[in-house]
């Protein structure tokens, strides 16, 4: 099961390479099957589709382009032209075509990896070119590299998700307070 803490499919897609700040990041899209499952779980497609190694390589290329555009936007830098062109080229392609079934369910007609990539690129353009771009933040957990849209009141959200990042930060702060209180108590007793 994938975590979707970014608030937009493009941000969650970029976050499939987790913990980028570590020497060994964790790859969530490690196989064609994992890519297919991600498309379904993200809601971009309504079912698993056959994906192959070429689709996986294409996903990694698009993901890194999306991630670099996100970083450029957050740091108010002009993005690399090649990266911008790559994402814009994908955004021009046909996205999944949702239809309503007679029983009121959403159904994507003839879904494909190419359509899913187009939807991700289109979402990237919408997020980075829209008003929510000003709400982008990176998780406050120093090990986590997930970028999310902070829609909280007062923009006070500090981490991508409570589990695991928020819990980890809060537990570390609690342990630090306990150590500090123990040191203060020991210092007071030794006087």
N, C-alpha and C. Protein backbone atom coordinates (compact mmCIF):
# COMPACT_ATOMS: atom_id res chain seq x y z
N UNK A 1 0.85 -1.18 0.00
CA UNK A 1 0.00 0.00 0.00
C UNK A 1 0.89 1.24 0.00
N UNK A 2 0.63 2.13 -0.89
CA UNK A 2 1.41 3.36 -0.99
C UNK A 2 0.81 4.44 -0.10
N UNK A 3 1.66 5.35 0.33
CA UNK A 3 1.22 6.50 1.12
C UNK A 3 0.98 7.66 0.17
N UNK A 4 -0.12 8.37 0.36
CA UNK A 4 -0.46 9.51 -0.49
C UNK A 4 -0.64 10.73 0.41
N UNK A 5 0.48 11.33 0.76
CA UNK A 5 0.47 12.45 1.71
C UNK A 5 0.67 13.80 1.05
N UNK A 6 0.94 13.81 -0.25
CA UNK A 6 1.28 15.06 -0.93
C UNK A 6 0.12 15.99 -1.19
N UNK A 7 -1.07 15.45 -1.32
CA UNK A 7 -2.22 16.29 -1.61
C UNK A 7 -2.48 16.47 -3.09
N UNK A 8 -1.65 15.89 -3.93
CA UNK A 8 -1.82 15.94 -5.38
C UNK A 8 -1.07 14.75 -5.98
N UNK A 9 -1.62 14.12 -7.01
CA UNK A 9 -0.94 12.96 -7.59
C UNK A 9 0.50 13.25 -8.02
N UNK A 10 0.76 14.42 -8.56
CA UNK A 10 2.13 14.73 -9.00
C UNK A 10 3.11 14.71 -7.83
N UNK A 11 2.69 15.25 -6.69
CA UNK A 11 3.57 15.28 -5.51
C UNK A 11 3.77 13.88 -4.96
N UNK A 12 2.71 13.09 -4.96
CA UNK A 12 2.83 11.71 -4.48
C UNK A 12 3.69 10.88 -5.43
N UNK A 13 3.57 11.14 -6.72
CA UNK A 13 4.40 10.44 -7.70
C UNK A 13 5.87 10.76 -7.47
N UNK A 14 6.19 12.04 -7.28
CA UNK A 14 7.58 12.44 -7.00
C UNK A 14 8.06 11.80 -5.70
N UNK A 15 7.15 11.57 -4.77
CA UNK A 15 7.50 10.99 -3.48
C UNK A 15 7.67 9.48 -3.48
N UNK A 16 7.55 8.84 -4.64
CA UNK A 16 7.74 7.39 -4.66
C UNK A 16 9.20 6.99 -4.52
N UNK A 17 10.11 7.95 -4.65
CA UNK A 17 11.50 7.72 -4.23
C UNK A 17 11.59 8.38 -2.88
N UNK A 18 11.49 7.58 -1.83
CA UNK A 18 11.37 8.09 -0.46
C UNK A 18 12.74 8.33 0.14
N UNK A 19 12.77 9.24 1.09
CA UNK A 19 13.98 9.50 1.89
C UNK A 19 15.18 9.85 0.99
N UNK A 20 14.99 10.79 0.10
CA UNK A 20 16.04 11.20 -0.84
C UNK A 20 17.26 11.78 -0.12
N UNK A 21 17.09 12.25 1.11
CA UNK A 21 18.20 12.86 1.84
C UNK A 21 19.12 11.81 2.47
N UNK A 22 18.72 10.57 2.48
CA UNK A 22 19.56 9.49 3.00
C UNK A 22 20.56 9.06 1.93
N UNK A 23 21.60 8.37 2.37
CA UNK A 23 22.57 7.86 1.40
C UNK A 23 21.95 6.78 0.51
N UNK A 24 20.94 6.08 1.03
CA UNK A 24 20.24 5.06 0.25
C UNK A 24 18.74 5.31 0.31
N UNK A 25 18.19 6.09 -0.63
CA UNK A 25 16.74 6.32 -0.65
C UNK A 25 15.98 5.01 -0.85
N UNK A 26 14.69 5.02 -0.55
CA UNK A 26 13.87 3.83 -0.73
C UNK A 26 12.99 3.99 -1.98
N UNK A 27 13.09 3.05 -2.85
CA UNK A 27 12.34 3.06 -4.10
C UNK A 27 11.01 2.34 -3.92
N UNK A 28 9.89 3.06 -4.05
CA UNK A 28 8.58 2.42 -3.96
C UNK A 28 8.14 1.83 -5.30
N UNK A 29 8.61 2.40 -6.40
CA UNK A 29 8.27 1.87 -7.73
C UNK A 29 9.43 0.98 -8.20
N UNK A 30 9.55 -0.17 -7.56
CA UNK A 30 10.68 -1.06 -7.79
C UNK A 30 10.43 -2.11 -8.86
N UNK A 31 9.22 -2.16 -9.38
CA UNK A 31 8.90 -3.16 -10.40
C UNK A 31 7.75 -2.65 -11.27
N UNK A 32 7.58 -3.23 -12.44
CA UNK A 32 6.42 -2.85 -13.26
C UNK A 32 5.10 -3.07 -12.53
N UNK A 33 5.00 -4.14 -11.75
CA UNK A 33 3.77 -4.39 -10.99
C UNK A 33 3.54 -3.27 -9.97
N UNK A 34 4.59 -2.85 -9.27
CA UNK A 34 4.45 -1.76 -8.29
C UNK A 34 3.98 -0.48 -8.97
N UNK A 35 4.45 -0.23 -10.18
CA UNK A 35 4.00 0.95 -10.93
C UNK A 35 2.52 0.84 -11.25
N UNK A 36 2.09 -0.31 -11.72
CA UNK A 36 0.68 -0.52 -12.03
C UNK A 36 -0.20 -0.34 -10.80
N UNK A 37 0.24 -0.90 -9.68
CA UNK A 37 -0.51 -0.76 -8.43
C UNK A 37 -0.57 0.70 -8.01
N UNK A 38 0.54 1.43 -8.17
CA UNK A 38 0.55 2.86 -7.81
C UNK A 38 -0.47 3.63 -8.64
N UNK A 39 -0.53 3.36 -9.94
CA UNK A 39 -1.52 4.04 -10.80
C UNK A 39 -2.93 3.84 -10.26
N UNK A 40 -3.25 2.60 -9.86
CA UNK A 40 -4.59 2.31 -9.35
C UNK A 40 -4.82 2.94 -7.98
N UNK A 41 -3.89 2.73 -7.06
CA UNK A 41 -4.07 3.24 -5.70
C UNK A 41 -4.12 4.77 -5.66
N UNK A 42 -3.44 5.41 -6.59
CA UNK A 42 -3.45 6.88 -6.63
C UNK A 42 -4.76 7.43 -7.16
N UNK A 43 -5.54 6.57 -7.82
CA UNK A 43 -6.80 7.01 -8.41
C UNK A 43 -6.66 7.52 -9.84
N UNK A 44 -5.45 7.53 -10.37
CA UNK A 44 -5.27 7.96 -11.76
C UNK A 44 -5.95 6.98 -12.70
N UNK A 45 -5.79 5.69 -12.44
CA UNK A 45 -6.48 4.65 -13.18
C UNK A 45 -7.39 3.90 -12.21
N UNK A 46 -8.38 3.21 -12.74
CA UNK A 46 -9.33 2.52 -11.87
C UNK A 46 -9.04 1.03 -11.70
N UNK A 47 -7.96 0.57 -12.32
CA UNK A 47 -7.60 -0.84 -12.19
C UNK A 47 -6.12 -1.01 -12.55
N UNK A 48 -5.58 -2.16 -12.17
CA UNK A 48 -4.20 -2.48 -12.54
C UNK A 48 -4.14 -2.69 -14.05
N UNK A 49 -3.02 -2.30 -14.63
CA UNK A 49 -2.81 -2.49 -16.06
C UNK A 49 -1.46 -3.19 -16.24
N UNK A 50 -1.25 -3.84 -17.37
CA UNK A 50 0.06 -4.43 -17.60
C UNK A 50 1.10 -3.33 -17.83
N UNK A 51 2.16 -3.36 -17.06
CA UNK A 51 3.29 -2.45 -17.23
C UNK A 51 4.53 -3.30 -17.45
N UNK A 52 5.49 -2.76 -18.17
CA UNK A 52 6.73 -3.50 -18.41
C UNK A 52 7.93 -2.67 -17.97
N UNK A 53 9.12 -3.21 -18.19
CA UNK A 53 10.34 -2.54 -17.75
C UNK A 53 10.51 -1.18 -18.42
N UNK A 54 10.10 -1.05 -19.67
CA UNK A 54 10.20 0.24 -20.36
C UNK A 54 9.29 1.27 -19.69
N UNK A 55 8.08 0.85 -19.29
CA UNK A 55 7.17 1.76 -18.58
C UNK A 55 7.79 2.21 -17.26
N UNK A 56 8.44 1.28 -16.57
CA UNK A 56 9.07 1.61 -15.29
C UNK A 56 10.20 2.62 -15.48
N UNK A 57 11.03 2.42 -16.49
CA UNK A 57 12.11 3.39 -16.77
C UNK A 57 11.53 4.76 -17.12
N UNK A 58 10.45 4.75 -17.89
CA UNK A 58 9.79 6.00 -18.26
C UNK A 58 9.22 6.69 -17.03
N UNK A 59 8.66 5.90 -16.13
CA UNK A 59 8.12 6.46 -14.88
C UNK A 59 9.22 7.12 -14.06
N UNK A 60 10.35 6.46 -13.94
CA UNK A 60 11.47 7.03 -13.18
C UNK A 60 11.94 8.34 -13.80
N UNK A 61 12.02 8.38 -15.13
CA UNK A 61 12.46 9.60 -15.82
C UNK A 61 11.47 10.74 -15.57
N UNK A 62 10.18 10.45 -15.74
CA UNK A 62 9.16 11.47 -15.50
C UNK A 62 9.17 11.90 -14.04
N UNK A 63 9.28 10.95 -13.14
CA UNK A 63 9.27 11.28 -11.71
C UNK A 63 10.40 12.24 -11.35
N UNK A 64 11.59 11.99 -11.85
CA UNK A 64 12.71 12.87 -11.53
C UNK A 64 12.52 14.26 -12.13
N UNK A 65 11.95 14.32 -13.32
CA UNK A 65 11.65 15.62 -13.93
C UNK A 65 10.63 16.38 -13.09
N UNK A 66 9.58 15.69 -12.67
CA UNK A 66 8.56 16.32 -11.82
C UNK A 66 9.19 16.81 -10.52
N UNK A 67 10.00 15.97 -9.90
CA UNK A 67 10.64 16.34 -8.63
C UNK A 67 11.52 17.58 -8.80
N UNK A 68 12.29 17.63 -9.87
CA UNK A 68 13.17 18.79 -10.08
C UNK A 68 12.38 20.06 -10.37
N UNK A 69 11.24 19.94 -11.04
CA UNK A 69 10.39 21.12 -11.24
C UNK A 69 9.80 21.59 -9.91
N UNK A 70 9.42 20.66 -9.06
CA UNK A 70 8.89 21.01 -7.74
C UNK A 70 9.95 21.76 -6.94
N UNK A 71 11.17 21.22 -6.92
CA UNK A 71 12.25 21.89 -6.17
C UNK A 71 12.53 23.28 -6.73
N UNK A 72 12.53 23.42 -8.05
CA UNK A 72 12.76 24.73 -8.66
C UNK A 72 11.67 25.71 -8.24
N UNK A 73 10.43 25.26 -8.24
CA UNK A 73 9.31 26.13 -7.85
C UNK A 73 9.43 26.54 -6.39
N UNK A 74 9.76 25.58 -5.52
CA UNK A 74 9.84 25.88 -4.09
C UNK A 74 10.99 26.82 -3.77
N UNK A 75 12.05 26.77 -4.56
CA UNK A 75 13.21 27.64 -4.29
C UNK A 75 13.20 28.88 -5.19
N UNK A 76 12.11 29.07 -5.92
CA UNK A 76 11.94 30.25 -6.78
C UNK A 76 13.06 30.36 -7.81
N UNK A 77 13.45 29.22 -8.37
CA UNK A 77 14.48 29.18 -9.42
C UNK A 77 13.82 28.89 -10.76
N UNK A 78 14.44 29.32 -11.82
CA UNK A 78 13.99 28.97 -13.16
C UNK A 78 14.35 27.51 -13.40
N UNK A 79 13.39 26.69 -13.81
CA UNK A 79 13.69 25.27 -14.00
C UNK A 79 14.55 25.04 -15.23
N UNK A 80 15.23 23.91 -15.22
CA UNK A 80 16.01 23.47 -16.37
C UNK A 80 15.08 23.32 -17.57
N UNK A 81 15.47 23.86 -18.71
CA UNK A 81 14.61 23.86 -19.90
C UNK A 81 14.29 22.45 -20.38
N UNK A 82 15.27 21.55 -20.33
CA UNK A 82 15.02 20.17 -20.75
C UNK A 82 13.99 19.48 -19.88
N UNK A 83 14.06 19.72 -18.59
CA UNK A 83 13.11 19.14 -17.64
C UNK A 83 11.72 19.70 -17.89
N UNK A 84 11.65 20.99 -18.08
CA UNK A 84 10.37 21.66 -18.36
C UNK A 84 9.75 21.12 -19.65
N UNK A 85 10.56 20.99 -20.67
CA UNK A 85 10.08 20.48 -21.96
C UNK A 85 9.56 19.05 -21.82
N UNK A 86 10.29 18.22 -21.08
CA UNK A 86 9.87 16.83 -20.89
C UNK A 86 8.48 16.76 -20.27
N UNK A 87 8.27 17.48 -19.17
CA UNK A 87 6.97 17.44 -18.49
C UNK A 87 5.88 18.05 -19.37
N UNK A 88 6.17 19.15 -20.03
CA UNK A 88 5.17 19.75 -20.92
C UNK A 88 4.81 18.84 -22.08
N UNK A 89 5.78 18.10 -22.61
CA UNK A 89 5.49 17.14 -23.68
C UNK A 89 4.53 16.06 -23.19
N UNK A 90 4.77 15.54 -22.00
CA UNK A 90 3.84 14.55 -21.43
C UNK A 90 2.47 15.17 -21.19
N UNK A 91 2.42 16.40 -20.73
CA UNK A 91 1.15 17.06 -20.42
C UNK A 91 0.28 17.25 -21.66
N UNK A 92 0.88 17.31 -22.83
CA UNK A 92 0.12 17.47 -24.07
C UNK A 92 -0.52 16.17 -24.55
N UNK A 93 -0.13 15.07 -23.98
CA UNK A 93 -0.63 13.76 -24.43
C UNK A 93 -2.02 13.49 -23.84
N UNK A 94 -2.75 12.56 -24.44
CA UNK A 94 -4.09 12.24 -23.92
C UNK A 94 -4.02 11.58 -22.54
N UNK A 95 -4.83 12.06 -21.65
CA UNK A 95 -4.93 11.53 -20.29
C UNK A 95 -6.03 10.47 -20.25
N UNK A 96 -6.16 9.76 -19.13
CA UNK A 96 -7.23 8.77 -19.00
C UNK A 96 -8.59 9.41 -19.23
N UNK A 97 -9.48 8.64 -19.85
CA UNK A 97 -10.82 9.13 -20.15
C UNK A 97 -11.79 8.45 -19.19
N UNK A 98 -12.24 9.16 -18.15
CA UNK A 98 -13.19 8.55 -17.22
C UNK A 98 -14.61 8.58 -17.78
N UNK A 99 -15.35 7.53 -17.49
CA UNK A 99 -16.75 7.42 -17.90
C UNK A 99 -17.55 6.94 -16.70
N UNK A 100 -18.82 7.26 -16.68
CA UNK A 100 -19.71 6.73 -15.65
C UNK A 100 -20.39 5.48 -16.18
N UNK A 101 -20.42 4.45 -15.35
CA UNK A 101 -21.11 3.22 -15.72
C UNK A 101 -22.58 3.35 -15.32
N UNK A 102 -23.44 2.46 -15.82
CA UNK A 102 -24.86 2.54 -15.45
C UNK A 102 -25.10 2.48 -13.94
N UNK A 103 -24.22 1.79 -13.21
CA UNK A 103 -24.40 1.70 -11.76
C UNK A 103 -23.73 2.85 -11.02
N UNK A 104 -23.28 3.88 -11.75
CA UNK A 104 -22.73 5.08 -11.12
C UNK A 104 -21.27 5.01 -10.75
N UNK A 105 -20.55 4.01 -11.22
CA UNK A 105 -19.14 3.87 -10.91
C UNK A 105 -18.28 4.57 -11.97
N UNK A 106 -17.10 4.99 -11.55
CA UNK A 106 -16.14 5.59 -12.48
C UNK A 106 -15.39 4.47 -13.19
N UNK A 107 -15.25 4.60 -14.48
CA UNK A 107 -14.55 3.60 -15.28
C UNK A 107 -13.67 4.33 -16.28
N UNK A 108 -12.38 3.94 -16.35
CA UNK A 108 -11.46 4.53 -17.32
C UNK A 108 -11.46 3.66 -18.57
N UNK A 109 -11.68 4.29 -19.71
CA UNK A 109 -11.73 3.58 -20.98
C UNK A 109 -10.30 3.28 -21.46
N UNK A 110 -10.03 2.02 -21.72
CA UNK A 110 -8.73 1.58 -22.26
C UNK A 110 -7.54 2.24 -21.58
N UNK A 111 -7.37 2.04 -20.28
CA UNK A 111 -6.27 2.71 -19.57
C UNK A 111 -4.91 2.20 -20.01
N UNK A 112 -3.93 3.10 -19.96
CA UNK A 112 -2.56 2.74 -20.33
C UNK A 112 -1.58 3.53 -19.48
N UNK A 113 -0.35 3.05 -19.45
CA UNK A 113 0.70 3.78 -18.73
C UNK A 113 0.90 5.15 -19.35
N UNK A 114 0.83 5.24 -20.67
CA UNK A 114 1.00 6.54 -21.35
C UNK A 114 -0.04 7.55 -20.88
N UNK A 115 -1.29 7.10 -20.72
CA UNK A 115 -2.33 8.00 -20.22
C UNK A 115 -2.04 8.42 -18.78
N UNK A 116 -1.59 7.47 -17.98
CA UNK A 116 -1.28 7.79 -16.58
C UNK A 116 -0.14 8.81 -16.50
N UNK A 117 0.88 8.65 -17.33
CA UNK A 117 1.98 9.62 -17.34
C UNK A 117 1.47 11.00 -17.75
N UNK A 118 0.57 11.05 -18.72
CA UNK A 118 0.00 12.33 -19.15
C UNK A 118 -0.77 12.98 -18.00
N UNK A 119 -1.54 12.18 -17.26
CA UNK A 119 -2.30 12.73 -16.14
C UNK A 119 -1.38 13.29 -15.06
N UNK A 120 -0.27 12.60 -14.80
CA UNK A 120 0.69 13.07 -13.80
C UNK A 120 1.32 14.38 -14.25
N UNK A 121 1.70 14.46 -15.52
CA UNK A 121 2.29 15.69 -16.04
C UNK A 121 1.29 16.84 -16.01
N UNK A 122 0.04 16.56 -16.36
CA UNK A 122 -1.00 17.60 -16.32
C UNK A 122 -1.23 18.08 -14.89
N UNK A 123 -1.19 17.15 -13.94
CA UNK A 123 -1.33 17.54 -12.54
C UNK A 123 -0.14 18.38 -12.09
N UNK A 124 1.05 18.04 -12.57
CA UNK A 124 2.25 18.83 -12.26
C UNK A 124 2.07 20.27 -12.73
N UNK A 125 1.60 20.43 -13.95
CA UNK A 125 1.36 21.77 -14.51
C UNK A 125 0.33 22.51 -13.67
N UNK A 126 -0.75 21.82 -13.29
CA UNK A 126 -1.81 22.46 -12.49
C UNK A 126 -1.31 22.90 -11.12
N UNK A 127 -0.57 22.02 -10.45
CA UNK A 127 -0.09 22.35 -9.10
C UNK A 127 0.96 23.46 -9.15
N UNK A 128 1.97 23.28 -9.99
CA UNK A 128 3.08 24.24 -10.00
C UNK A 128 2.69 25.56 -10.66
N UNK A 129 1.70 25.54 -11.54
CA UNK A 129 1.27 26.76 -12.20
C UNK A 129 0.05 27.39 -11.58
N UNK A 130 -0.43 26.83 -10.48
CA UNK A 130 -1.65 27.33 -9.85
C UNK A 130 -1.39 27.96 -8.50
N UNK A 131 -2.46 28.40 -7.84
CA UNK A 131 -2.33 29.11 -6.57
C UNK A 131 -1.79 28.25 -5.43
N UNK A 132 -1.96 26.93 -5.51
CA UNK A 132 -1.47 26.07 -4.42
C UNK A 132 0.04 25.90 -4.44
N UNK A 133 0.70 26.36 -5.48
CA UNK A 133 2.17 26.28 -5.52
C UNK A 133 2.78 27.03 -4.35
N UNK A 134 2.12 28.08 -3.90
CA UNK A 134 2.62 28.84 -2.75
C UNK A 134 2.49 28.07 -1.45
N UNK A 135 1.74 26.98 -1.46
CA UNK A 135 1.52 26.18 -0.24
C UNK A 135 2.42 24.95 -0.18
N UNK A 136 3.34 24.81 -1.12
CA UNK A 136 4.21 23.63 -1.13
C UNK A 136 5.22 23.69 0.00
N UNK A 137 5.40 22.56 0.67
CA UNK A 137 6.38 22.42 1.74
C UNK A 137 7.02 21.05 1.64
N UNK A 138 8.24 20.95 2.16
CA UNK A 138 8.88 19.65 2.29
C UNK A 138 8.71 19.20 3.73
N UNK A 139 8.54 17.91 3.93
CA UNK A 139 8.34 17.34 5.26
C UNK A 139 9.42 17.81 6.23
N UNK A 140 9.03 18.09 7.46
CA UNK A 140 9.95 18.54 8.50
C UNK A 140 10.83 17.45 9.07
N UNK A 141 10.57 16.20 8.73
CA UNK A 141 11.45 15.11 9.13
C UNK A 141 12.70 15.21 8.27
N UNK A 142 13.88 15.41 8.88
CA UNK A 142 15.09 15.62 8.09
C UNK A 142 15.42 14.48 7.12
N UNK A 143 14.92 13.29 7.39
CA UNK A 143 15.19 12.16 6.51
C UNK A 143 14.19 12.07 5.36
N UNK A 144 13.04 12.68 5.51
CA UNK A 144 11.96 12.55 4.52
C UNK A 144 12.06 13.66 3.48
N UNK A 145 11.76 13.32 2.25
CA UNK A 145 11.82 14.31 1.17
C UNK A 145 10.46 14.52 0.51
N UNK A 146 9.38 14.06 1.16
CA UNK A 146 8.05 14.21 0.57
C UNK A 146 7.65 15.68 0.57
N UNK A 147 7.21 16.15 -0.58
CA UNK A 147 6.68 17.50 -0.70
C UNK A 147 5.16 17.39 -0.65
N UNK A 148 4.51 18.32 0.01
CA UNK A 148 3.06 18.29 0.15
C UNK A 148 2.49 19.69 0.05
N UNK A 149 1.18 19.75 -0.17
CA UNK A 149 0.46 21.02 -0.17
C UNK A 149 -0.06 21.22 1.25
N UNK A 150 0.36 22.31 1.88
CA UNK A 150 -0.07 22.59 3.25
C UNK A 150 -1.36 23.41 3.20
N UNK A 151 -2.47 22.69 3.31
CA UNK A 151 -3.78 23.34 3.31
C UNK A 151 -4.29 23.57 4.73
N UNK A 152 -3.44 23.37 5.72
CA UNK A 152 -3.87 23.52 7.11
C UNK A 152 -4.14 25.00 7.42
N UNK A 153 -4.95 25.22 8.42
CA UNK A 153 -5.24 26.58 8.86
C UNK A 153 -3.93 27.23 9.33
N UNK A 154 -3.62 28.36 8.77
CA UNK A 154 -2.41 29.07 9.16
C UNK A 154 -1.13 28.45 8.62
N UNK A 155 -1.26 27.49 7.72
CA UNK A 155 -0.09 26.79 7.14
C UNK A 155 0.86 26.30 8.22
N UNK A 156 0.30 25.58 9.20
CA UNK A 156 1.10 25.14 10.35
C UNK A 156 1.53 23.68 10.27
N UNK A 157 1.14 23.00 9.23
CA UNK A 157 1.52 21.59 9.08
C UNK A 157 3.04 21.50 8.96
N UNK A 158 3.63 20.53 9.65
CA UNK A 158 5.09 20.43 9.69
C UNK A 158 5.64 19.20 8.97
N UNK A 159 4.84 18.19 8.76
CA UNK A 159 5.35 16.97 8.16
C UNK A 159 4.33 16.42 7.17
N UNK A 160 4.82 15.52 6.34
CA UNK A 160 3.97 14.99 5.27
C UNK A 160 2.78 14.22 5.83
N UNK A 161 3.01 13.44 6.87
CA UNK A 161 1.95 12.65 7.49
C UNK A 161 2.34 12.36 8.93
N UNK A 162 1.34 12.15 9.76
CA UNK A 162 1.60 11.85 11.16
C UNK A 162 2.36 10.53 11.30
N UNK A 163 1.96 9.54 10.48
CA UNK A 163 2.62 8.24 10.52
C UNK A 163 3.36 8.04 9.21
N UNK A 164 4.67 7.94 9.22
CA UNK A 164 5.54 7.81 10.37
C UNK A 164 6.21 9.12 10.79
N UNK A 165 6.25 10.11 9.91
CA UNK A 165 7.11 11.28 10.15
C UNK A 165 6.72 12.09 11.38
N UNK A 166 5.46 12.45 11.53
CA UNK A 166 5.04 13.24 12.68
C UNK A 166 5.29 12.52 13.98
N UNK A 167 4.95 11.22 14.02
CA UNK A 167 5.19 10.43 15.23
C UNK A 167 6.67 10.39 15.58
N UNK A 168 7.51 10.23 14.56
CA UNK A 168 8.95 10.15 14.78
C UNK A 168 9.48 11.46 15.36
N UNK A 169 9.07 12.58 14.80
CA UNK A 169 9.52 13.90 15.26
C UNK A 169 9.01 14.17 16.68
N UNK A 170 7.73 13.87 16.92
CA UNK A 170 7.17 14.11 18.25
C UNK A 170 7.83 13.22 19.30
N UNK A 171 8.09 11.96 18.96
CA UNK A 171 8.75 11.06 19.90
C UNK A 171 10.17 11.53 20.21
N UNK A 172 10.88 12.00 19.20
CA UNK A 172 12.24 12.51 19.41
C UNK A 172 12.22 13.76 20.29
N UNK A 173 11.24 14.64 20.08
CA UNK A 173 11.13 15.85 20.90
C UNK A 173 10.80 15.48 22.35
N UNK A 174 9.93 14.48 22.53
CA UNK A 174 9.58 14.03 23.87
C UNK A 174 10.80 13.46 24.59
N UNK A 175 11.57 12.62 23.90
CA UNK A 175 12.78 12.05 24.51
C UNK A 175 13.79 13.16 24.85
N UNK A 176 13.91 14.15 23.99
CA UNK A 176 14.84 15.26 24.26
C UNK A 176 14.40 16.05 25.49
N UNK A 177 13.08 16.28 25.63
CA UNK A 177 12.57 16.99 26.82
C UNK A 177 12.82 16.17 28.08
N UNK A 178 12.62 14.87 28.00
CA UNK A 178 12.86 14.00 29.16
C UNK A 178 14.33 14.05 29.57
N UNK A 179 15.23 13.98 28.59
CA UNK A 179 16.67 14.06 28.89
C UNK A 179 17.01 15.40 29.53
N UNK A 180 16.47 16.48 28.97
CA UNK A 180 16.75 17.82 29.48
C UNK A 180 16.23 17.95 30.91
N UNK A 181 15.02 17.46 31.17
CA UNK A 181 14.46 17.52 32.52
C UNK A 181 15.28 16.68 33.49
N UNK A 182 15.76 15.52 33.04
CA UNK A 182 16.60 14.68 33.90
C UNK A 182 17.92 15.38 34.20
N UNK A 183 18.50 16.03 33.21
CA UNK A 183 19.75 16.78 33.43
C UNK A 183 19.54 17.94 34.39
N UNK A 184 18.43 18.65 34.23
CA UNK A 184 18.12 19.77 35.14
C UNK A 184 17.94 19.27 36.56
N UNK A 185 17.22 18.15 36.70
CA UNK A 185 16.99 17.59 38.03
C UNK A 185 18.30 17.14 38.66
N UNK A 186 19.17 16.51 37.89
CA UNK A 186 20.47 16.07 38.41
C UNK A 186 21.33 17.27 38.78
N UNK A 187 21.27 18.31 37.98
CA UNK A 187 22.04 19.53 38.26
C UNK A 187 21.56 20.20 39.54
N UNK A 188 20.25 20.22 39.74
CA UNK A 188 19.68 20.83 40.94
C UNK A 188 20.06 20.03 42.18
N UNK A 189 20.06 18.69 42.10
CA UNK A 189 20.40 17.85 43.25
C UNK A 189 21.87 17.98 43.62
N UNK A 190 22.74 18.23 42.63
CA UNK A 190 24.17 18.28 42.92
C UNK A 190 24.60 19.61 43.54
N UNK A 191 23.73 20.55 43.62
CA UNK A 191 24.09 21.86 44.19
C UNK A 191 24.08 21.84 45.67
